[in-house]
Amino acid sequence: MTNEDERELVNELARLQQEHRDLDAAIDALHQSPAPDLLRLQRLKKRKLQLRDRIAFIEDQITPDIIA
C-alpha cells in the first residue's frame, strides 16, 4: 500500500467516524422525542451498523499484520 492510499484510507476513516458519531447523536435525539419515528430509527441504526463494519474494515487495512 502506498502512502497516498493510506492517506486516503485515513481520510475516509475520519469521515466515517464523524458520520457514525453524528448518527449516534441523531438516534439519541430521536429516542428522546415524545413519539419517535420507528422506521427512521431503524434506518439510522442500520446505517450506523454499516458504518461500523466499514470502519472496522478500513482499520484492518491500515493496521499492519503482525506475525506472531
Protein backbone atom coordinates (compact mmCIF):
# COMPACT_ATOMS: atom_id res chain seq x y z
CA MET A 1 0.00 0.00 0.00
CA THR A 2 1.39 3.40 -0.96
CA ASN A 3 1.46 6.41 1.33
CA GLU A 4 -1.20 8.07 -0.81
CA ASP A 5 -3.51 5.06 -0.49
CA GLU A 6 -3.01 5.06 3.26
CA ARG A 7 -3.72 8.80 3.46
CA GLU A 8 -6.95 8.29 1.52
CA LEU A 9 -7.98 5.49 3.88
CA VAL A 10 -7.18 7.64 6.93
CA ASN A 11 -9.27 10.50 5.50
CA GLU A 12 -12.17 8.17 4.73
CA LEU A 13 -11.87 6.67 8.21
CA ALA A 14 -12.09 10.10 9.83
CA ARG A 15 -15.14 10.99 7.71
CA LEU A 16 -16.89 7.72 8.54
CA GLN A 17 -16.14 8.05 12.25
CA GLN A 18 -17.64 11.56 12.23
CA GLU A 19 -20.74 10.31 10.41
CA HIS A 20 -21.01 7.47 12.96
CA ARG A 21 -20.91 9.98 15.84
CA ASP A 22 -23.49 12.17 14.08
CA LEU A 23 -25.81 9.19 13.64
CA ASP A 24 -25.36 8.32 17.31
CA ALA A 25 -26.47 11.83 18.27
CA ALA A 26 -29.43 11.67 15.86
CA ILE A 27 -30.52 8.31 17.26
CA ASP A 28 -30.30 9.64 20.82
CA ALA A 29 -32.34 12.71 19.86
CA LEU A 30 -34.95 10.54 18.17
CA HIS A 31 -35.20 8.36 21.28
CA GLN A 32 -35.82 11.49 23.37
CA SER A 33 -38.68 12.69 21.18
CA PRO A 34 -42.21 12.09 22.51
CA ALA A 35 -43.26 9.95 19.52
CA PRO A 36 -40.17 8.57 17.80
CA ASP A 37 -40.45 7.55 14.16
CA LEU A 38 -39.62 3.86 14.49
CA LEU A 39 -38.95 3.33 10.78
CA ARG A 40 -36.50 6.24 10.67
CA LEU A 41 -34.88 4.99 13.88
CA GLN A 42 -34.44 1.55 12.35
CA ARG A 43 -32.88 3.02 9.19
CA LEU A 44 -30.46 5.16 11.20
CA LYS A 45 -29.39 2.17 13.26
CA LYS A 46 -28.88 0.08 10.12
CA ARG A 47 -26.74 2.82 8.57
CA LYS A 48 -24.75 3.07 11.81
CA LEU A 49 -24.02 -0.68 11.68
CA GLN A 50 -22.91 -0.39 8.04
CA LEU A 51 -20.56 2.41 9.02
CA ARG A 52 -19.17 0.38 11.90
CA ASP A 53 -18.40 -2.51 9.55
CA ARG A 54 -16.72 -0.19 7.02
CA ILE A 55 -14.71 1.49 9.79
CA ALA A 56 -13.51 -1.89 11.05
CA PHE A 57 -12.53 -2.91 7.50
CA ILE A 58 -10.52 0.28 6.94
CA GLU A 59 -8.82 -0.01 10.33
CA ASP A 60 -7.78 -3.55 9.39
CA GLN A 61 -6.36 -2.25 6.10
CA ILE A 62 -4.35 0.47 7.85
CA THR A 63 -3.06 -1.69 10.69
CA PRO A 64 -0.12 -3.83 9.59
CA ASP A 65 -0.38 -7.58 10.06
CA ILE A 66 1.71 -8.84 12.96
CA ILE A 67 3.05 -12.33 12.54
CA ALA A 68 3.33 -13.98 15.93
